[in-house]
N, C-alpha and C. Protein backbone atom coordinates (compact mmCIF):
# COMPACT_ATOMS: atom_id res chain seq x y z
N MET A 1 144.42 35.94 -123.29
CA MET A 1 145.10 37.21 -123.37
C MET A 1 144.10 38.37 -123.50
N ILE A 2 144.34 39.57 -122.89
CA ILE A 2 143.56 40.70 -123.03
C ILE A 2 144.40 41.82 -123.68
N LEU A 3 143.70 42.36 -124.65
CA LEU A 3 144.44 43.60 -125.30
C LEU A 3 143.55 44.82 -125.20
N ILE A 4 144.20 45.93 -124.65
CA ILE A 4 143.51 47.11 -124.17
C ILE A 4 144.24 48.21 -125.13
N VAL A 5 143.44 48.98 -125.82
CA VAL A 5 144.19 50.15 -126.62
C VAL A 5 143.45 51.39 -126.12
N LEU A 6 144.14 52.46 -125.61
CA LEU A 6 143.67 53.66 -125.33
C LEU A 6 144.10 54.71 -126.17
N LYS A 7 143.16 55.67 -126.47
CA LYS A 7 143.53 56.81 -127.43
C LYS A 7 143.14 58.03 -126.64
N ALA A 8 144.15 58.95 -126.47
CA ALA A 8 143.88 60.10 -125.60
C ALA A 8 144.59 61.41 -126.25
N GLN A 9 143.82 62.42 -126.25
CA GLN A 9 144.40 63.68 -126.67
C GLN A 9 145.00 64.35 -125.48
N ILE A 10 146.13 64.85 -125.41
CA ILE A 10 146.74 65.54 -124.30
C ILE A 10 146.74 67.02 -124.47
N ARG A 11 146.48 67.75 -123.50
CA ARG A 11 146.44 69.20 -123.52
C ARG A 11 147.96 69.48 -123.85
N PRO A 12 148.16 70.57 -124.80
CA PRO A 12 149.49 70.86 -125.23
C PRO A 12 150.26 71.48 -123.98
N ASP A 13 149.72 72.06 -123.22
CA ASP A 13 150.48 72.74 -121.95
C ASP A 13 150.83 71.64 -120.93
N LYS A 14 150.29 70.51 -121.08
CA LYS A 14 150.52 69.32 -120.22
C LYS A 14 151.40 68.20 -120.80
N ARG A 15 151.81 68.53 -122.06
CA ARG A 15 152.64 67.47 -122.73
C ARG A 15 153.91 66.87 -121.97
N GLU A 16 154.83 67.68 -121.47
CA GLU A 16 155.88 67.22 -120.66
C GLU A 16 155.57 66.54 -119.46
N GLU A 17 154.53 66.96 -118.72
CA GLU A 17 154.03 66.31 -117.55
C GLU A 17 153.54 64.95 -117.99
N TRP A 18 152.78 64.78 -119.08
CA TRP A 18 152.24 63.53 -119.54
C TRP A 18 153.48 62.61 -119.94
N LEU A 19 154.37 63.08 -120.60
CA LEU A 19 155.41 62.27 -120.98
C LEU A 19 156.30 61.61 -119.86
N SER A 20 156.47 62.40 -118.89
CA SER A 20 157.00 62.03 -117.56
C SER A 20 156.14 61.01 -116.76
N GLY A 21 154.87 61.22 -116.77
CA GLY A 21 153.97 60.38 -116.07
C GLY A 21 153.78 59.06 -116.71
N ILE A 22 153.65 59.04 -118.13
CA ILE A 22 153.41 57.77 -118.77
C ILE A 22 154.68 56.88 -118.82
N SER A 23 155.75 57.61 -118.80
CA SER A 23 156.94 56.88 -118.75
C SER A 23 157.06 56.09 -117.36
N GLN A 24 156.73 56.78 -116.39
CA GLN A 24 156.73 55.99 -115.03
C GLN A 24 155.73 54.97 -114.97
N TYR A 25 154.49 55.27 -115.53
CA TYR A 25 153.46 54.33 -115.49
C TYR A 25 153.74 52.98 -116.35
N LYS A 26 154.52 53.21 -117.34
CA LYS A 26 154.94 52.09 -118.18
C LYS A 26 155.79 51.22 -117.29
N LYS A 27 156.85 51.81 -116.59
CA LYS A 27 157.59 50.89 -115.68
C LYS A 27 156.67 50.20 -114.58
N ASP A 28 155.84 50.95 -114.05
CA ASP A 28 155.05 50.32 -113.03
C ASP A 28 154.19 49.25 -113.60
N VAL A 29 153.65 49.36 -114.77
CA VAL A 29 152.67 48.29 -115.47
C VAL A 29 153.59 47.04 -115.80
N ASN A 30 154.65 47.29 -116.38
CA ASN A 30 155.69 46.32 -116.71
C ASN A 30 156.04 45.39 -115.67
N SER A 31 155.97 45.95 -114.54
CA SER A 31 156.48 45.17 -113.22
C SER A 31 155.38 44.23 -112.76
N GLU A 32 154.20 44.35 -113.25
CA GLU A 32 153.02 43.50 -112.76
C GLU A 32 153.18 42.17 -113.38
N PRO A 33 153.03 41.05 -112.56
CA PRO A 33 153.21 39.73 -113.13
C PRO A 33 152.37 39.30 -114.19
N GLY A 34 151.18 39.90 -114.36
CA GLY A 34 150.29 39.37 -115.41
C GLY A 34 150.47 40.24 -116.66
N ASN A 35 151.34 41.17 -116.63
CA ASN A 35 151.52 42.10 -117.87
C ASN A 35 152.55 41.40 -118.90
N ILE A 36 152.05 41.53 -120.08
CA ILE A 36 152.81 40.92 -121.16
C ILE A 36 153.64 42.15 -121.84
N SER A 37 152.87 43.21 -122.10
CA SER A 37 153.65 44.45 -122.77
C SER A 37 152.69 45.63 -122.49
N PHE A 38 153.37 46.78 -122.50
CA PHE A 38 152.91 48.10 -122.37
C PHE A 38 153.67 49.00 -123.20
N ASP A 39 153.03 49.63 -124.14
CA ASP A 39 153.66 50.64 -125.05
C ASP A 39 152.83 51.77 -125.33
N TYR A 40 153.44 52.90 -125.64
CA TYR A 40 152.70 54.11 -126.02
C TYR A 40 153.37 54.80 -127.17
N HIS A 41 152.60 55.49 -127.98
CA HIS A 41 152.95 56.23 -129.20
C HIS A 41 152.20 57.35 -129.43
N GLU A 42 152.86 58.39 -130.00
CA GLU A 42 152.20 59.54 -130.48
C GLU A 42 151.75 59.40 -131.94
N ASN A 43 150.58 59.92 -132.21
CA ASN A 43 150.07 59.87 -133.63
C ASN A 43 150.93 60.83 -134.45
N VAL A 44 151.54 60.27 -135.42
CA VAL A 44 152.41 61.30 -136.29
C VAL A 44 151.60 62.19 -137.08
N GLU A 45 150.35 62.15 -137.20
CA GLU A 45 149.46 62.99 -137.90
C GLU A 45 148.66 64.05 -137.07
N LYS A 46 148.56 63.77 -135.70
CA LYS A 46 147.87 64.56 -134.91
C LYS A 46 148.68 64.75 -133.71
N GLU A 47 149.23 65.86 -133.59
CA GLU A 47 150.14 66.30 -132.35
C GLU A 47 149.39 66.06 -131.08
N ASN A 48 150.18 65.49 -130.06
CA ASN A 48 149.60 65.43 -128.69
C ASN A 48 148.40 64.37 -128.51
N GLU A 49 148.25 63.53 -129.68
CA GLU A 49 147.37 62.39 -129.43
C GLU A 49 148.14 61.14 -129.30
N PHE A 50 147.97 60.41 -128.27
CA PHE A 50 148.75 59.33 -127.89
C PHE A 50 147.82 58.01 -127.91
N VAL A 51 148.44 56.98 -128.15
CA VAL A 51 147.69 55.62 -128.08
C VAL A 51 148.70 54.80 -127.12
N VAL A 52 147.92 54.16 -126.19
CA VAL A 52 148.57 53.19 -125.33
C VAL A 52 148.05 51.77 -125.56
N VAL A 53 148.91 50.92 -125.70
CA VAL A 53 148.63 49.37 -125.99
C VAL A 53 149.10 48.63 -124.78
N GLU A 54 148.13 47.92 -124.17
CA GLU A 54 148.47 47.11 -123.06
C GLU A 54 148.10 45.67 -123.29
N VAL A 55 148.79 44.68 -122.93
CA VAL A 55 148.54 43.32 -123.11
C VAL A 55 148.74 42.66 -121.73
N PHE A 56 147.65 41.93 -121.37
CA PHE A 56 147.77 41.14 -120.08
C PHE A 56 147.47 39.72 -120.37
N ARG A 57 148.10 38.76 -119.49
CA ARG A 57 148.04 37.36 -119.67
C ARG A 57 146.51 36.85 -119.74
N ASP A 58 145.68 37.41 -118.94
CA ASP A 58 144.26 36.89 -118.91
C ASP A 58 143.44 37.97 -118.26
N SER A 59 142.07 37.73 -118.16
CA SER A 59 141.17 38.81 -117.55
C SER A 59 141.42 38.95 -115.98
N ALA A 60 141.96 37.89 -115.45
CA ALA A 60 142.27 38.18 -113.98
C ALA A 60 143.41 39.13 -113.77
N ALA A 61 144.45 39.15 -114.79
CA ALA A 61 145.62 39.83 -114.62
C ALA A 61 145.11 41.38 -115.00
N GLY A 62 144.20 41.51 -116.03
CA GLY A 62 143.68 42.80 -116.31
C GLY A 62 142.92 43.45 -115.26
N ASP A 63 142.14 42.55 -114.43
CA ASP A 63 141.30 43.03 -113.35
C ASP A 63 142.12 43.46 -112.16
N ALA A 64 143.23 42.66 -111.97
CA ALA A 64 144.23 43.01 -110.96
C ALA A 64 144.91 44.38 -111.25
N HIS A 65 145.24 44.50 -112.41
CA HIS A 65 145.96 45.80 -112.97
C HIS A 65 145.14 46.98 -112.52
N VAL A 66 143.91 47.06 -112.87
CA VAL A 66 142.94 48.13 -112.63
C VAL A 66 142.92 48.53 -111.25
N LYS A 67 143.05 47.55 -110.29
CA LYS A 67 143.01 47.68 -108.87
C LYS A 67 144.33 48.10 -108.13
N THR A 68 145.46 48.17 -108.89
CA THR A 68 146.81 48.50 -108.31
C THR A 68 146.74 49.90 -107.92
N ASP A 69 147.47 50.33 -107.01
CA ASP A 69 147.57 51.68 -106.57
C ASP A 69 148.23 52.57 -107.68
N HIS A 70 149.14 52.06 -108.46
CA HIS A 70 149.77 52.86 -109.62
C HIS A 70 148.64 53.17 -110.55
N ALA A 71 147.78 52.20 -110.90
CA ALA A 71 146.81 52.54 -111.98
C ALA A 71 145.79 53.50 -111.43
N GLN A 72 145.45 53.36 -110.18
CA GLN A 72 144.41 54.36 -109.62
C GLN A 72 144.94 55.76 -109.58
N ARG A 73 146.28 55.87 -109.18
CA ARG A 73 146.98 57.18 -109.26
C ARG A 73 147.07 57.75 -110.65
N PHE A 74 147.38 56.82 -111.55
CA PHE A 74 147.53 57.14 -112.96
C PHE A 74 146.20 57.65 -113.55
N PHE A 75 145.07 56.98 -113.26
CA PHE A 75 143.80 57.44 -113.73
C PHE A 75 143.46 58.87 -113.31
N ASP A 76 143.80 59.16 -112.09
CA ASP A 76 143.51 60.51 -111.56
C ASP A 76 144.54 61.50 -112.39
N PHE A 77 145.91 61.15 -112.47
CA PHE A 77 146.81 62.00 -113.16
C PHE A 77 146.40 62.20 -114.62
N MET A 78 145.95 61.13 -115.31
CA MET A 78 145.56 61.23 -116.73
C MET A 78 144.41 62.31 -116.82
N GLY A 79 143.46 62.38 -115.82
CA GLY A 79 142.27 63.35 -115.82
C GLY A 79 142.89 64.67 -115.76
N SER A 80 144.16 64.89 -115.22
CA SER A 80 144.60 66.25 -115.17
C SER A 80 145.32 66.72 -116.51
N VAL A 81 145.54 65.98 -117.38
CA VAL A 81 146.21 66.24 -118.63
C VAL A 81 145.39 66.09 -119.88
N VAL A 82 144.18 65.55 -119.84
CA VAL A 82 143.41 65.44 -121.07
C VAL A 82 142.24 66.49 -121.06
N PRO A 83 141.82 66.97 -122.22
CA PRO A 83 140.68 67.83 -122.15
C PRO A 83 139.26 67.21 -122.30
N GLU A 84 139.40 65.90 -122.64
CA GLU A 84 138.07 65.18 -122.81
C GLU A 84 138.55 63.58 -122.40
N LYS A 85 137.38 62.85 -122.14
CA LYS A 85 137.69 61.40 -121.76
C LYS A 85 138.37 60.75 -122.96
N PRO A 86 139.35 59.94 -122.57
CA PRO A 86 139.99 59.05 -123.51
C PRO A 86 139.14 58.05 -123.97
N LEU A 87 139.46 57.38 -125.16
CA LEU A 87 138.66 56.34 -125.62
C LEU A 87 139.43 55.02 -125.37
N ILE A 88 138.67 53.96 -125.06
CA ILE A 88 139.19 52.66 -124.84
C ILE A 88 138.79 51.59 -125.75
N ASN A 89 139.58 50.74 -126.16
CA ASN A 89 139.07 49.48 -126.95
C ASN A 89 139.59 48.39 -126.17
N PHE A 90 138.81 47.54 -125.62
CA PHE A 90 139.14 46.41 -124.80
C PHE A 90 138.66 45.11 -125.56
N GLN A 91 139.66 44.29 -125.79
CA GLN A 91 139.39 43.09 -126.58
C GLN A 91 139.85 41.88 -125.62
N SER A 92 138.76 40.96 -125.35
CA SER A 92 139.13 39.86 -124.58
C SER A 92 138.80 38.57 -125.28
N GLU A 93 138.95 37.58 -124.50
CA GLU A 93 138.70 36.19 -125.00
C GLU A 93 137.45 35.90 -125.77
N ASP A 94 136.47 36.47 -125.28
CA ASP A 94 135.13 36.48 -125.93
C ASP A 94 134.94 37.07 -127.25
N GLY A 95 135.93 37.78 -127.68
CA GLY A 95 136.04 38.52 -129.04
C GLY A 95 135.15 39.73 -129.10
N LYS A 96 134.50 40.22 -127.94
CA LYS A 96 133.96 41.47 -127.90
C LYS A 96 134.87 42.60 -127.94
N ASP A 97 134.56 43.73 -128.80
CA ASP A 97 135.37 44.91 -128.78
C ASP A 97 134.57 46.12 -129.13
N ALA A 98 135.01 47.25 -128.69
CA ALA A 98 134.41 48.50 -129.11
C ALA A 98 135.13 49.70 -128.66
N TRP A 99 135.08 50.77 -129.33
CA TRP A 99 135.60 51.93 -128.77
C TRP A 99 134.57 52.64 -127.96
N VAL A 100 134.81 52.97 -126.65
CA VAL A 100 133.99 53.70 -125.81
C VAL A 100 134.85 54.64 -124.98
N GLU A 101 134.12 55.46 -124.21
CA GLU A 101 134.89 56.44 -123.36
C GLU A 101 135.44 55.60 -122.15
N MET A 102 136.54 56.07 -121.73
CA MET A 102 137.21 55.35 -120.63
C MET A 102 136.54 55.82 -119.24
N GLY A 103 135.88 54.93 -118.61
CA GLY A 103 135.14 55.35 -117.39
C GLY A 103 135.99 55.77 -116.33
N GLU A 104 137.22 55.17 -116.22
CA GLU A 104 138.10 55.40 -115.10
C GLU A 104 138.80 56.79 -115.07
N VAL A 105 138.62 57.51 -116.24
CA VAL A 105 139.17 58.85 -116.27
C VAL A 105 138.21 59.96 -116.50
N THR A 106 138.31 60.91 -115.64
CA THR A 106 137.51 62.12 -115.87
C THR A 106 138.34 63.39 -115.83
N PRO A 107 138.36 64.06 -116.97
CA PRO A 107 139.07 65.30 -117.08
C PRO A 107 138.67 66.34 -115.99
N HIS A 108 139.79 66.88 -115.52
CA HIS A 108 139.50 67.97 -114.46
C HIS A 108 140.60 69.08 -114.53
């Protein structure tokens, strides 16, 4: 099983666009055969900070996810609504984990 947690601050002027985009992305990811769950939540203490929690069957499913068209489109979309790189914490079978900047998303 692969657990991925993203933390992203969303620009206030892009909030509604984000909510629409992440809702569609949740549907897309949930349709992947290797996806176990996909959820997102807003931090109740910090407005416009969202956490995304993704769980995949195994590393092959996680790798396949990143290569999907909808993931590639979402990474570009996400870059348009964030003021800084989101943080990602990826935990896999080997037990390694760390918060690092998400390389797939570049703010623009």
